[in-house]
Amino acid sequence: MNQMIPLSAVFWIIIAIAILFLVFHLVALLSETKKTMEKINALLDDNSEKITNIIDNADSMVTDAKTSVDTVKDEVIAPLGDVLGKVQRIFGKGQKRHKLLGRKKKQPKA
């Protein structure tokens, strides 16, 4: 007697082997995905800390720049504006007097 495995049994054995093969590769893929996600999370945490430091440094720089601008404005520009205003009032009054009296400015002789 010659015993042969029926064709349908061979077909089901091939399907079972294929399913085992796919399950093995799916588990391997999920394992690699988990490792990759852990690396990504670690990188994101590290980058988050670095970005926070950069933002803090930028905020500090903006504060320092504002302080510098305020200092220049209060200690240089405002006093200079006051002095120039006084100079303008002094010289401006003289020009108004000449206009009111009808006097002409003296022209230097050539």
PDB file of N, CA and C in Angstrom:
ATOM      1  N   MET A   1       0.804  -1.161   0.000  1.00  0.00           N
ATOM      2  CA  MET A   1       0.000   0.000   0.000  1.00  0.00           C
ATOM      3  C   MET A   1       0.862   1.245   0.000  1.00  0.00           C
ATOM      4  N   ASN A   2       0.501   2.019  -0.847  1.00  0.00           N
ATOM      5  CA  ASN A   2       1.213   3.266  -1.017  1.00  0.00           C
ATOM      6  C   ASN A   2       0.401   4.363  -0.349  1.00  0.00           C
ATOM      7  N   GLN A   3       0.968   4.922   0.738  1.00  0.00           N
ATOM      8  CA  GLN A   3       0.209   5.959   1.441  1.00  0.00           C
ATOM      9  C   GLN A   3       0.709   7.338   1.008  1.00  0.00           C
ATOM     10  N   MET A   4      -0.186   8.123   0.578  1.00  0.00           N
ATOM     11  CA  MET A   4       0.127   9.477   0.144  1.00  0.00           C
ATOM     12  C   MET A   4      -0.637  10.462   1.034  1.00  0.00           C
ATOM     13  N   ILE A   5       0.006  11.557   1.265  1.00  0.00           N
ATOM     14  CA  ILE A   5      -0.657  12.611   2.029  1.00  0.00           C
ATOM     15  C   ILE A   5      -1.618  13.299   1.067  1.00  0.00           C
ATOM     16  N   PRO A   6      -2.829  13.456   1.489  1.00  0.00           N
ATOM     17  CA  PRO A   6      -3.788  14.102   0.588  1.00  0.00           C
ATOM     18  C   PRO A   6      -3.347  15.533   0.274  1.00  0.00           C
ATOM     19  N   LEU A   7      -3.724  15.977  -0.879  1.00  0.00           N
ATOM     20  CA  LEU A   7      -3.343  17.310  -1.364  1.00  0.00           C
ATOM     21  C   LEU A   7      -3.871  18.407  -0.443  1.00  0.00           C
ATOM     22  N   SER A   8      -5.017  18.244   0.098  1.00  0.00           N
ATOM     23  CA  SER A   8      -5.565  19.259   0.982  1.00  0.00           C
ATOM     24  C   SER A   8      -4.739  19.365   2.271  1.00  0.00           C
ATOM     25  N   ALA A   9      -4.184  18.286   2.765  1.00  0.00           N
ATOM     26  CA  ALA A   9      -3.343  18.317   3.961  1.00  0.00           C
ATOM     27  C   ALA A   9      -2.050  19.069   3.672  1.00  0.00           C
ATOM     28  N   VAL A  10      -1.449  18.852   2.502  1.00  0.00           N
ATOM     29  CA  VAL A  10      -0.229  19.568   2.102  1.00  0.00           C
ATOM     30  C   VAL A  10      -0.530  21.058   2.000  1.00  0.00           C
ATOM     31  N   PHE A  11      -1.662  21.363   1.432  1.00  0.00           N
ATOM     32  CA  PHE A  11      -2.064  22.765   1.299  1.00  0.00           C
ATOM     33  C   PHE A  11      -2.164  23.418   2.668  1.00  0.00           C
ATOM     34  N   TRP A  12      -2.783  22.755   3.658  1.00  0.00           N
ATOM     35  CA  TRP A  12      -2.936  23.306   4.993  1.00  0.00           C
ATOM     36  C   TRP A  12      -1.599  23.379   5.728  1.00  0.00           C
ATOM     37  N   ILE A  13      -0.703  22.482   5.472  1.00  0.00           N
ATOM     38  CA  ILE A  13       0.638  22.529   6.081  1.00  0.00           C
ATOM     39  C   ILE A  13       1.400  23.747   5.562  1.00  0.00           C
ATOM     40  N   ILE A  14       1.296  24.002   4.270  1.00  0.00           N
ATOM     41  CA  ILE A  14       1.967  25.170   3.670  1.00  0.00           C
ATOM     42  C   ILE A  14       1.385  26.452   4.252  1.00  0.00           C
ATOM     43  N   ILE A  15       0.074  26.503   4.395  1.00  0.00           N
ATOM     44  CA  ILE A  15      -0.563  27.681   4.974  1.00  0.00           C
ATOM     45  C   ILE A  15      -0.111  27.875   6.422  1.00  0.00           C
ATOM     46  N   ALA A  16      -0.021  26.791   7.185  1.00  0.00           N
ATOM     47  CA  ALA A  16       0.416  26.886   8.584  1.00  0.00           C
ATOM     48  C   ALA A  16       1.858  27.386   8.669  1.00  0.00           C
ATOM     49  N   ILE A  17       2.730  26.905   7.814  1.00  0.00           N
ATOM     50  CA  ILE A  17       4.128  27.362   7.791  1.00  0.00           C
ATOM     51  C   ILE A  17       4.195  28.846   7.423  1.00  0.00           C
ATOM     52  N   ALA A  18       3.387  29.261   6.447  1.00  0.00           N
ATOM     53  CA  ALA A  18       3.363  30.666   6.042  1.00  0.00           C
ATOM     54  C   ALA A  18       2.871  31.545   7.187  1.00  0.00           C
ATOM     55  N   ILE A  19       1.843  31.064   7.895  1.00  0.00           N
ATOM     56  CA  ILE A  19       1.329  31.842   9.020  1.00  0.00           C
ATOM     57  C   ILE A  19       2.391  31.954  10.116  1.00  0.00           C
ATOM     58  N   LEU A  20       3.080  30.872  10.427  1.00  0.00           N
ATOM     59  CA  LEU A  20       4.152  30.917  11.426  1.00  0.00           C
ATOM     60  C   LEU A  20       5.260  31.879  11.003  1.00  0.00           C
ATOM     61  N   PHE A  21       5.626  31.821   9.719  1.00  0.00           N
ATOM     62  CA  PHE A  21       6.643  32.709   9.174  1.00  0.00           C
ATOM     63  C   PHE A  21       6.208  34.172   9.336  1.00  0.00           C
ATOM     64  N   LEU A  22       4.951  34.482   8.977  1.00  0.00           N
ATOM     65  CA  LEU A  22       4.437  35.843   9.091  1.00  0.00           C
ATOM     66  C   LEU A  22       4.359  36.296  10.554  1.00  0.00           C
ATOM     67  N   VAL A  23       3.948  35.411  11.449  1.00  0.00           N
ATOM     68  CA  VAL A  23       3.872  35.757  12.865  1.00  0.00           C
ATOM     69  C   VAL A  23       5.272  36.055  13.403  1.00  0.00           C
ATOM     70  N   PHE A  24       6.242  35.248  13.031  1.00  0.00           N
ATOM     71  CA  PHE A  24       7.616  35.478  13.471  1.00  0.00           C
ATOM     72  C   PHE A  24       8.111  36.842  13.002  1.00  0.00           C
ATOM     73  N   HIS A  25       7.880  37.160  11.729  1.00  0.00           N
ATOM     74  CA  HIS A  25       8.327  38.456  11.199  1.00  0.00           C
ATOM     75  C   HIS A  25       7.539  39.616  11.798  1.00  0.00           C
ATOM     76  N   LEU A  26       6.266  39.408  12.092  1.00  0.00           N
ATOM     77  CA  LEU A  26       5.467  40.449  12.729  1.00  0.00           C
ATOM     78  C   LEU A  26       5.981  40.748  14.137  1.00  0.00           C
ATOM     79  N   VAL A  27       6.328  39.704  14.884  1.00  0.00           N
ATOM     80  CA  VAL A  27       6.884  39.896  16.225  1.00  0.00           C
ATOM     81  C   VAL A  27       8.224  40.627  16.142  1.00  0.00           C
ATOM     82  N   ALA A  28       9.057  40.230  15.175  1.00  0.00           N
ATOM     83  CA  ALA A  28      10.350  40.907  14.998  1.00  0.00           C
ATOM     84  C   ALA A  28      10.134  42.376  14.626  1.00  0.00           C
ATOM     85  N   LEU A  29       9.172  42.648  13.749  1.00  0.00           N
ATOM     86  CA  LEU A  29       8.873  44.019  13.340  1.00  0.00           C
ATOM     87  C   LEU A  29       8.377  44.845  14.527  1.00  0.00           C
ATOM     88  N   LEU A  30       7.490  44.287  15.323  1.00  0.00           N
ATOM     89  CA  LEU A  30       6.993  44.998  16.498  1.00  0.00           C
ATOM     90  C   LEU A  30       8.109  45.256  17.506  1.00  0.00           C
ATOM     91  N   SER A  31       9.024  44.318  17.646  1.00  0.00           N
ATOM     92  CA  SER A  31      10.159  44.504  18.551  1.00  0.00           C
ATOM     93  C   SER A  31      11.056  45.650  18.076  1.00  0.00           C
ATOM     94  N   GLU A  32      11.348  45.700  16.790  1.00  0.00           N
ATOM     95  CA  GLU A  32      12.160  46.782  16.227  1.00  0.00           C
ATOM     96  C   GLU A  32      11.426  48.126  16.336  1.00  0.00           C
ATOM     97  N   THR A  33      10.118  48.096  16.139  1.00  0.00           N
ATOM     98  CA  THR A  33       9.324  49.316  16.265  1.00  0.00           C
ATOM     99  C   THR A  33       9.375  49.847  17.692  1.00  0.00           C
ATOM    100  N   LYS A  34       9.302  48.958  18.664  1.00  0.00           N
ATOM    101  CA  LYS A  34       9.380  49.367  20.062  1.00  0.00           C
ATOM    102  C   LYS A  34      10.728  50.009  20.362  1.00  0.00           C
ATOM    103  N   LYS A  35      11.816  49.387  19.881  1.00  0.00           N
ATOM    104  CA  LYS A  35      13.156  49.951  20.097  1.00  0.00           C
ATOM    105  C   LYS A  35      13.271  51.322  19.429  1.00  0.00           C
ATOM    106  N   THR A  36      12.746  51.433  18.226  1.00  0.00           N
ATOM    107  CA  THR A  36      12.803  52.704  17.499  1.00  0.00           C
ATOM    108  C   THR A  36      12.012  53.789  18.227  1.00  0.00           C
ATOM    109  N   MET A  37      10.839  53.440  18.715  1.00  0.00           N
ATOM    110  CA  MET A  37      10.023  54.412  19.449  1.00  0.00           C
ATOM    111  C   MET A  37      10.716  54.859  20.739  1.00  0.00           C
ATOM    112  N   GLU A  38      11.395  53.956  21.423  1.00  0.00           N
ATOM    113  CA  GLU A  38      12.139  54.317  22.624  1.00  0.00           C
ATOM    114  C   GLU A  38      13.268  55.290  22.293  1.00  0.00           C
ATOM    115  N   LYS A  39      13.966  55.039  21.177  1.00  0.00           N
ATOM    116  CA  LYS A  39      15.035  55.950  20.752  1.00  0.00           C
ATOM    117  C   LYS A  39      14.458  57.323  20.398  1.00  0.00           C
ATOM    118  N   ILE A  40      13.329  57.314  19.686  1.00  0.00           N
ATOM    119  CA  ILE A  40      12.698  58.583  19.293  1.00  0.00           C
ATOM    120  C   ILE A  40      12.277  59.366  20.527  1.00  0.00           C
ATOM    121  N   ASN A  41      11.683  58.689  21.494  1.00  0.00           N
ATOM    122  CA  ASN A  41      11.263  59.378  22.727  1.00  0.00           C
ATOM    123  C   ASN A  41      12.459  59.957  23.473  1.00  0.00           C
ATOM    124  N   ALA A  42      13.565  59.202  23.514  1.00  0.00           N
ATOM    125  CA  ALA A  42      14.765  59.710  24.180  1.00  0.00           C
ATOM    126  C   ALA A  42      15.296  60.949  23.450  1.00  0.00           C
ATOM    127  N   LEU A  43      15.321  60.904  22.122  1.00  0.00           N
ATOM    128  CA  LEU A  43      15.784  62.060  21.344  1.00  0.00           C
ATOM    129  C   LEU A  43      14.863  63.264  21.532  1.00  0.00           C
ATOM    130  N   LEU A  44      13.558  63.017  21.552  1.00  0.00           N
ATOM    131  CA  LEU A  44      12.615  64.123  21.746  1.00  0.00           C
ATOM    132  C   LEU A  44      12.785  64.752  23.129  1.00  0.00           C
ATOM    133  N   ASP A  45      12.992  63.936  24.143  1.00  0.00           N
ATOM    134  CA  ASP A  45      13.219  64.484  25.482  1.00  0.00           C
ATOM    135  C   ASP A  45      14.487  65.328  25.515  1.00  0.00           C
ATOM    136  N   ASP A  46      15.551  64.810  24.901  1.00  0.00           N
ATOM    137  CA  ASP A  46      16.821  65.543  24.860  1.00  0.00           C
ATOM    138  C   ASP A  46      16.660  66.851  24.094  1.00  0.00           C
ATOM    139  N   ASN A  47      15.983  66.787  22.944  1.00  0.00           N
ATOM    140  CA  ASN A  47      15.777  67.998  22.147  1.00  0.00           C
ATOM    141  C   ASN A  47      14.872  68.987  22.875  1.00  0.00           C
ATOM    142  N   SER A  48      13.900  68.480  23.598  1.00  0.00           N
ATOM    143  CA  SER A  48      13.021  69.366  24.365  1.00  0.00           C
ATOM    144  C   SER A  48      13.816  70.145  25.396  1.00  0.00           C
ATOM    145  N   GLU A  49      14.736  69.489  26.083  1.00  0.00           N
ATOM    146  CA  GLU A  49      15.574  70.178  27.057  1.00  0.00           C
ATOM    147  C   GLU A  49      16.453  71.226  26.384  1.00  0.00           C
ATOM    148  N   LYS A  50      17.019  70.860  25.235  1.00  0.00           N
ATOM    149  CA  LYS A  50      17.882  71.805  24.528  1.00  0.00           C
ATOM    150  C   LYS A  50      17.087  73.008  24.030  1.00  0.00           C
ATOM    151  N   ILE A  51      15.894  72.765  23.513  1.00  0.00           N
ATOM    152  CA  ILE A  51      15.065  73.866  23.013  1.00  0.00           C
ATOM    153  C   ILE A  51      14.658  74.776  24.168  1.00  0.00           C
ATOM    154  N   THR A  52      14.342  74.173  25.313  1.00  0.00           N
ATOM    155  CA  THR A  52      14.007  74.978  26.486  1.00  0.00           C
ATOM    156  C   THR A  52      15.184  75.862  26.890  1.00  0.00           C
ATOM    157  N   ASN A  53      16.398  75.309  26.864  1.00  0.00           N
ATOM    158  CA  ASN A  53      17.589  76.102  27.184  1.00  0.00           C
ATOM    159  C   ASN A  53      17.789  77.233  26.179  1.00  0.00           C
ATOM    160  N   ILE A  54      17.575  76.940  24.899  1.00  0.00           N
ATOM    161  CA  ILE A  54      17.728  77.963  23.859  1.00  0.00           C
ATOM    162  C   ILE A  54      16.717  79.086  24.076  1.00  0.00           C
ATOM    163  N   ILE A  55      15.468  78.716  24.388  1.00  0.00           N
ATOM    164  CA  ILE A  55      14.440  79.730  24.610  1.00  0.00           C
ATOM    165  C   ILE A  55      14.775  80.570  25.828  1.00  0.00           C
ATOM    166  N   ASP A  56      15.250  79.924  26.892  1.00  0.00           N
ATOM    167  CA  ASP A  56      15.638  80.678  28.092  1.00  0.00           C
ATOM    168  C   ASP A  56      16.778  81.638  27.788  1.00  0.00           C
ATOM    169  N   ASN A  57      17.767  81.178  27.010  1.00  0.00           N
ATOM    170  CA  ASN A  57      18.884  82.048  26.638  1.00  0.00           C
ATOM    171  C   ASN A  57      18.411  83.213  25.774  1.00  0.00           C
ATOM    172  N   ALA A  58      17.503  82.932  24.838  1.00  0.00           N
ATOM    173  CA  ALA A  58      16.990  83.995  23.977  1.00  0.00           C
ATOM    174  C   ALA A  58      16.205  85.005  24.796  1.00  0.00           C
ATOM    175  N   ASP A  59      15.421  84.518  25.742  1.00  0.00           N
ATOM    176  CA  ASP A  59      14.661  85.417  26.608  1.00  0.00           C
ATOM    177  C   ASP A  59      15.597  86.300  27.425  1.00  0.00           C
ATOM    178  N   SER A  60      16.665  85.710  27.920  1.00  0.00           N
ATOM    179  CA  SER A  60      17.658  86.472  28.681  1.00  0.00           C
ATOM    180  C   SER A  60      18.320  87.524  27.799  1.00  0.00           C
ATOM    181  N   MET A  61      18.631  87.154  26.558  1.00  0.00           N
ATOM    182  CA  MET A  61      19.261  88.103  25.642  1.00  0.00           C
ATOM    183  C   MET A  61      18.314  89.260  25.322  1.00  0.00           C
ATOM    184  N   VAL A  62      17.035  88.966  25.140  1.00  0.00           N
ATOM    185  CA  VAL A  62      16.059  90.024  24.848  1.00  0.00           C
ATOM    186  C   VAL A  62      15.936  90.958  26.041  1.00  0.00           C
ATOM    187  N   THR A  63      15.921  90.386  27.237  1.00  0.00           N
ATOM    188  CA  THR A  63      15.849  91.215  28.445  1.00  0.00           C
ATOM    189  C   THR A  63      17.081  92.107  28.554  1.00  0.00           C
ATOM    190  N   ASP A  64      18.267  91.539  28.296  1.00  0.00           N
ATOM    191  CA  ASP A  64      19.494  92.338  28.341  1.00  0.00           C
ATOM    192  C   ASP A  64      19.475  93.448  27.291  1.00  0.00           C
ATOM    193  N   ALA A  65      18.994  93.129  26.095  1.00  0.00           N
ATOM    194  CA  ALA A  65      18.933  94.140  25.032  1.00  0.00           C
ATOM    195  C   ALA A  65      17.956  95.248  25.404  1.00  0.00           C
ATOM    196  N   LYS A  66      16.806  94.876  25.984  1.00  0.00           N
ATOM    197  CA  LYS A  66      15.830  95.884  26.409  1.00  0.00           C
ATOM    198  C   LYS A  66      16.434  96.783  27.479  1.00  0.00           C
ATOM    199  N   THR A  67      17.148  96.190  28.411  1.00  0.00           N
ATOM    200  CA  THR A  67      17.792  96.981  29.456  1.00  0.00           C
ATOM    201  C   THR A  67      18.804  97.949  28.848  1.00  0.00           C
ATOM    202  N   SER A  68      19.579  97.478  27.887  1.00  0.00           N
ATOM    203  CA  SER A  68      20.569  98.343  27.231  1.00  0.00           C
ATOM    204  C   SER A  68      19.899  99.485  26.486  1.00  0.00           C
ATOM    205  N   VAL A  69      18.839  99.176  25.755  1.00  0.00           N
ATOM    206  CA  VAL A  69      18.135 100.216  24.998  1.00  0.00           C
ATOM    207  C   VAL A  69      17.505 101.231  25.950  1.00  0.00           C
ATOM    208  N   ASP A  70      16.897 100.739  27.021  1.00  0.00           N
ATOM    209  CA  ASP A  70      16.302 101.661  27.996  1.00  0.00           C
ATOM    210  C   ASP A  70      17.363 102.552  28.631  1.00  0.00           C
ATOM    211  N   THR A  71      18.518 101.972  28.938  1.00  0.00           N
ATOM    212  CA  THR A  71      19.607 102.752  29.527  1.00  0.00           C
ATOM    213  C   THR A  71      20.075 103.843  28.573  1.00  0.00           C
ATOM    214  N   VAL A  72      20.277 103.482  27.309  1.00  0.00           N
ATOM    215  CA  VAL A  72      20.720 104.473  26.315  1.00  0.00           C
ATOM    216  C   VAL A  72      19.654 105.554  26.157  1.00  0.00           C
ATOM    217  N   LYS A  73      18.404 105.140  26.116  1.00  0.00           N
ATOM    218  CA  LYS A  73      17.320 106.111  25.944  1.00  0.00           C
ATOM    219  C   LYS A  73      17.253 107.068  27.133  1.00  0.00           C
ATOM    220  N   ASP A  74      17.325 106.515  28.338  1.00  0.00           N
ATOM    221  CA  ASP A  74      17.170 107.355  29.534  1.00  0.00           C
ATOM    222  C   ASP A  74      18.404 108.182  29.840  1.00  0.00           C
ATOM    223  N   GLU A  75      19.595 107.636  29.607  1.00  0.00           N
ATOM    224  CA  GLU A  75      20.813 108.324  30.034  1.00  0.00           C
ATOM    225  C   GLU A  75      21.519 109.097  28.925  1.00  0.00           C
ATOM    226  N   VAL A  76      21.158 108.838  27.666  1.00  0.00           N
ATOM    227  CA  VAL A  76      21.838 109.535  26.574  1.00  0.00           C
ATOM    228  C   VAL A  76      20.851 110.333  25.731  1.00  0.00           C
ATOM    229  N   ILE A  77      19.849 109.665  25.219  1.00  0.00           N
ATOM    230  CA  ILE A  77      18.962 110.314  24.247  1.00  0.00           C
ATOM    231  C   ILE A  77      18.089 111.378  24.912  1.00  0.00           C
ATOM    232  N   ALA A  78      17.506 111.067  26.068  1.00  0.00           N
ATOM    233  CA  ALA A  78      16.643 112.051  26.743  1.00  0.00           C
ATOM    234  C   ALA A  78      17.418 113.305  27.134  1.00  0.00           C
ATOM    235  N   PRO A  79      18.587 113.187  27.791  1.00  0.00           N
ATOM    236  CA  PRO A  79      19.340 114.411  28.108  1.00  0.00           C
ATOM    237  C   PRO A  79      19.780 115.169  26.859  1.00  0.00           C
ATOM    238  N   LEU A  80      20.160 114.442  25.830  1.00  0.00           N
ATOM    239  CA  LEU A  80      20.569 115.094  24.583  1.00  0.00           C
ATOM    240  C   LEU A  80      19.393 115.835  23.969  1.00  0.00           C
ATOM    241  N   GLY A  81      18.229 115.231  24.009  1.00  0.00           N
ATOM    242  CA  GLY A  81      17.030 115.903  23.491  1.00  0.00           C
ATOM    243  C   GLY A  81      16.724 117.158  24.275  1.00  0.00           C
ATOM    244  N   ASP A  82      16.895 117.100  25.600  1.00  0.00           N
ATOM    245  CA  ASP A  82      16.662 118.293  26.420  1.00  0.00           C
ATOM    246  C   ASP A  82      17.633 119.404  26.054  1.00  0.00           C
ATOM    247  N   VAL A  83      18.914 119.039  25.905  1.00  0.00           N
ATOM    248  CA  VAL A  83      19.928 120.043  25.549  1.00  0.00           C
ATOM    249  C   VAL A  83      19.640 120.627  24.176  1.00  0.00           C
ATOM    250  N   LEU A  84      19.309 119.782  23.214  1.00  0.00           N
ATOM    251  CA  LEU A  84      19.012 120.283  21.865  1.00  0.00           C
ATOM    252  C   LEU A  84      17.761 121.163  21.873  1.00  0.00           C
ATOM    253  N   GLY A  85      16.796 120.813  22.715  1.00  0.00           N
ATOM    254  CA  GLY A  85      15.603 121.659  22.830  1.00  0.00           C
ATOM    255  C   GLY A  85      15.945 123.030  23.360  1.00  0.00           C
ATOM    256  N   LYS A  86      16.830 123.077  24.367  1.00  0.00           N
ATOM    257  CA  LYS A  86      17.257 124.365  24.912  1.00  0.00           C
ATOM    258  C   LYS A  86      18.003 125.179  23.872  1.00  0.00           C
ATOM    259  N   VAL A  87      18.912 124.498  23.131  1.00  0.00           N
ATOM    260  CA  VAL A  87      19.667 125.189  22.078  1.00  0.00           C
ATOM    261  C   VAL A  87      18.728 125.719  21.020  1.00  0.00           C
ATOM    262  N   GLN A  88      17.743 124.945  20.661  1.00  0.00           N
ATOM    263  CA  GLN A  88      16.788 125.378  19.637  1.00  0.00           C
ATOM    264  C   GLN A  88      15.973 126.574  20.132  1.00  0.00           C
ATOM    265  N   ARG A  89      15.580 126.542  21.394  1.00  0.00           N
ATOM    266  CA  ARG A  89      14.830 127.679  21.938  1.00  0.00           C
ATOM    267  C   ARG A  89      15.682 128.943  21.960  1.00  0.00           C
ATOM    268  N   ILE A  90      16.972 128.771  22.317  1.00  0.00           N
ATOM    269  CA  ILE A  90      17.858 129.939  22.376  1.00  0.00           C
ATOM    270  C   ILE A  90      18.039 130.532  20.990  1.00  0.00           C
ATOM    271  N   PHE A  91      18.381 129.707  20.014  1.00  0.00           N
ATOM    272  CA  PHE A  91      18.629 130.219  18.666  1.00  0.00           C
ATOM    273  C   PHE A  91      17.334 130.492  17.920  1.00  0.00           C
ATOM    274  N   GLY A  92      16.301 129.794  18.255  1.00  0.00           N
ATOM    275  CA  GLY A  92      15.018 130.010  17.588  1.00  0.00           C
ATOM    276  C   GLY A  92      14.415 131.343  17.952  1.00  0.00           C
ATOM    277  N   LYS A  93      14.574 131.808  19.194  1.00  0.00           N
ATOM    278  CA  LYS A  93      14.041 133.102  19.619  1.00  0.00           C
ATOM    279  C   LYS A  93      14.720 134.229  18.881  1.00  0.00           C
ATOM    280  N   GLY A  94      16.014 134.109  18.670  1.00  0.00           N
ATOM    281  CA  GLY A  94      16.755 135.143  17.946  1.00  0.00           C
ATOM    282  C   GLY A  94      16.269 135.263  16.518  1.00  0.00           C
ATOM    283  N   GLN A  95      15.975 134.164  15.886  1.00  0.00           N
ATOM    284  CA  GLN A  95      15.500 134.212  14.505  1.00  0.00           C
ATOM    285  C   GLN A  95      14.101 134.802  14.450  1.00  0.00           C
ATOM    286  N   LYS A  96      13.271 134.510  15.453  1.00  0.00           N
ATOM    287  CA  LYS A  96      11.922 135.072  15.459  1.00  0.00           C
ATOM    288  C   LYS A  96      11.978 136.588  15.649  1.00  0.00           C
ATOM    289  N   ARG A  97      12.889 137.075  16.493  1.00  0.00           N
ATOM    290  CA  ARG A  97      13.026 138.514  16.703  1.00  0.00           C
ATOM    291  C   ARG A  97      13.410 139.224  15.417  1.00  0.00           C
ATOM    292  N   HIS A  98      14.351 138.601  14.684  1.00  0.00           N
ATOM    293  CA  HIS A  98      14.778 139.215  13.420  1.00  0.00           C
ATOM    294  C   HIS A  98      13.621 139.266  12.442  1.00  0.00           C
ATOM    295  N   LYS A  99      12.788 138.257  12.435  1.00  0.00           N
ATOM    296  CA  LYS A  99      11.657 138.240  11.504  1.00  0.00           C
ATOM    297  C   LYS A  99      10.619 139.282  11.911  1.00  0.00           C
ATOM    298  N   LEU A 100      10.386 139.393  13.211  1.00  0.00           N
ATOM    299  CA  LEU A 100       9.387 140.348  13.681  1.00  0.00           C
ATOM    300  C   LEU A 100       9.815 141.787  13.426  1.00  0.00           C
ATOM    301  N   LEU A 101      11.102 142.064  13.575  1.00  0.00           N
ATOM    302  CA  LEU A 101      11.594 143.418  13.388  1.00  0.00           C
ATOM    303  C   LEU A 101      11.892 143.734  11.926  1.00  0.00           C
ATOM    304  N   GLY A 102      11.829 142.748  11.092  1.00  0.00           N
ATOM    305  CA  GLY A 102      12.095 142.968   9.682  1.00  0.00           C
ATOM    306  C   GLY A 102      13.566 143.054   9.361  1.00  0.00           C
ATOM    307  N   ARG A 103      14.397 142.658  10.255  1.00  0.00           N
ATOM    308  CA  ARG A 103      15.838 142.718  10.024  1.00  0.00           C
ATOM    309  C   ARG A 103      16.255 141.531   9.159  1.00  0.00           C
ATOM    310  N   LYS A 104      17.233 141.788   8.395  1.00  0.00           N
ATOM    311  CA  LYS A 104      17.811 140.732   7.581  1.00  0.00           C
ATOM    312  C   LYS A 104      19.107 140.293   8.228  1.00  0.00           C
ATOM    313  N   LYS A 105      19.414 139.085   8.000  1.00  0.00           N
ATOM    314  CA  LYS A 105      20.678 138.580   8.516  1.00  0.00           C
ATOM    315  C   LYS A 105      21.810 139.236   7.767  1.00  0.00           C
ATOM    316  N   LYS A 106      22.866 139.536   8.481  1.00  0.00           N
ATOM    317  CA  LYS A 106      24.019 140.146   7.853  1.00  0.00           C
ATOM    318  C   LYS A 106      24.708 139.106   6.990  1.00  0.00           C
ATOM    319  N   GLN A 107      25.006 139.539   5.785  1.00  0.00           N
ATOM    320  CA  GLN A 107      25.732 138.677   4.863  1.00  0.00           C
ATOM    321  C   GLN A 107      27.207 138.975   5.007  1.00  0.00           C
ATOM    322  N   PRO A 108      28.022 137.938   5.084  1.00  0.00           N
ATOM    323  CA  PRO A 108      29.462 138.210   5.175  1.00  0.00           C
ATOM    324  C   PRO A 108      29.954 138.801   3.860  1.00  0.00           C
ATOM    325  N   LYS A 109      30.908 139.734   3.999  1.00  0.00           N
ATOM    326  CA  LYS A 109      31.459 140.386   2.812  1.00  0.00           C
ATOM    327  C   LYS A 109      32.440 139.456   2.139  1.00  0.00           C
ATOM    328  N   ALA A 110      32.315 139.434   0.845  1.00  0.00           N
ATOM    329  CA  ALA A 110      33.195 138.548   0.090  1.00  0.00           C
ATOM    330  C   ALA A 110      34.459 139.227  -0.312  1.00  0.00           C
TER     331      ALA A 110
END
